[in-house]
């Protein structure tokens, strides 16, 4: 194991497992919600209700993602809007 494994870029082969992990990560989902619904995302009931909807939506979008470049393009678009 290399001392920099924790901070190295992902390989394309790792993308599906990384996406799966991100879809289970509430902090990641909350970040996206805060970009989409800045005022409402601070309310716990809104986060609680919107996380599953966002998770399902992202899972559908992620079905086309198979490379790091695909993932970066999707995330750039999601965070800019």
Protein backbone atom coordinates (compact mmCIF):
# COMPACT_ATOMS: atom_id res chain seq x y z
CA UNK A 1 0.00 0.00 0.00
CA UNK A 2 1.32 3.40 -1.01
CA UNK A 3 1.26 6.23 1.52
CA UNK A 4 -0.71 8.36 -0.99
CA UNK A 5 -3.46 5.83 -1.80
CA UNK A 6 -5.99 7.89 0.18
CA UNK A 7 -5.54 10.95 -2.05
CA UNK A 8 -4.81 9.46 -5.48
CA UNK A 9 -7.23 9.92 -8.38
CA UNK A 10 -9.71 7.15 -9.05
CA UNK A 11 -9.30 4.79 -11.98
CA UNK A 12 -12.17 4.33 -14.42
CA UNK A 13 -12.67 0.78 -13.10
CA UNK A 14 -13.42 2.19 -9.63
CA UNK A 15 -16.14 4.60 -10.78
CA UNK A 16 -19.19 2.32 -10.23
CA UNK A 17 -18.22 1.52 -6.63
CA UNK A 18 -17.41 5.17 -5.88
CA UNK A 19 -20.79 6.28 -7.24
CA UNK A 20 -22.53 3.63 -5.19
CA UNK A 21 -20.74 4.88 -2.06
CA UNK A 22 -21.58 8.52 -2.84
CA UNK A 23 -25.26 7.70 -3.29
CA UNK A 24 -25.28 6.36 0.29
CA UNK A 25 -23.41 9.40 1.65
CA UNK A 26 -25.85 11.85 3.25
CA UNK A 27 -23.22 14.60 3.42
CA UNK A 28 -22.73 14.37 -0.35
CA UNK A 29 -26.48 14.46 -0.95
CA UNK A 30 -26.82 17.42 1.43
CA UNK A 31 -24.14 19.29 -0.52
CA UNK A 32 -26.09 18.82 -3.74
CA UNK A 33 -29.33 19.80 -2.02
CA UNK A 34 -27.72 22.95 -0.65
CA UNK A 35 -26.81 23.93 -4.20
CA UNK A 36 -30.29 23.22 -5.57
CA UNK A 37 -32.38 24.42 -2.62
CA UNK A 38 -30.13 26.77 -0.64
CA UNK A 39 -32.75 28.08 1.77
CA UNK A 40 -34.80 24.93 2.21
CA UNK A 41 -31.92 22.46 2.54
CA UNK A 42 -31.17 23.68 6.07
CA UNK A 43 -34.51 22.31 7.26
CA UNK A 44 -34.17 18.75 8.52
CA UNK A 45 -37.59 17.62 7.22
CA UNK A 46 -36.71 18.87 3.73
CA UNK A 47 -33.39 17.01 3.73
CA UNK A 48 -35.11 13.90 5.05
CA UNK A 49 -37.73 14.01 2.28
CA UNK A 50 -35.45 15.11 -0.55
CA UNK A 51 -32.53 12.73 -0.03
CA UNK A 52 -34.36 9.63 -1.37
CA UNK A 53 -35.67 11.60 -4.35
CA UNK A 54 -32.22 12.96 -5.12
CA UNK A 55 -30.64 9.55 -4.58
CA UNK A 56 -33.00 7.93 -7.11
CA UNK A 57 -32.50 10.72 -9.61
CA UNK A 58 -28.73 10.47 -9.33
CA UNK A 59 -28.82 6.70 -9.65
CA UNK A 60 -30.65 7.06 -12.96
CA UNK A 61 -28.14 9.64 -14.19
CA UNK A 62 -25.22 7.54 -12.99
CA UNK A 63 -26.32 4.60 -15.11
CA UNK A 64 -24.47 6.23 -18.05
CA UNK A 65 -21.36 7.04 -16.04
CA UNK A 66 -18.49 4.62 -16.52
CA UNK A 67 -15.40 6.81 -16.45
CA UNK A 68 -13.92 9.47 -14.22
CA UNK A 69 -14.40 11.97 -17.05
CA UNK A 70 -18.13 11.12 -17.29
CA UNK A 71 -18.50 11.58 -13.53
CA UNK A 72 -16.68 14.92 -13.55
CA UNK A 73 -18.84 16.20 -16.39
CA UNK A 74 -22.06 15.24 -14.56
CA UNK A 75 -20.91 16.72 -11.25
CA UNK A 76 -19.70 19.94 -12.86
CA UNK A 77 -23.10 20.37 -14.45
CA UNK A 78 -24.96 19.53 -11.23
CA UNK A 79 -22.95 21.92 -9.08
CA UNK A 80 -23.04 24.84 -11.51
CA UNK A 81 -26.84 24.93 -11.84
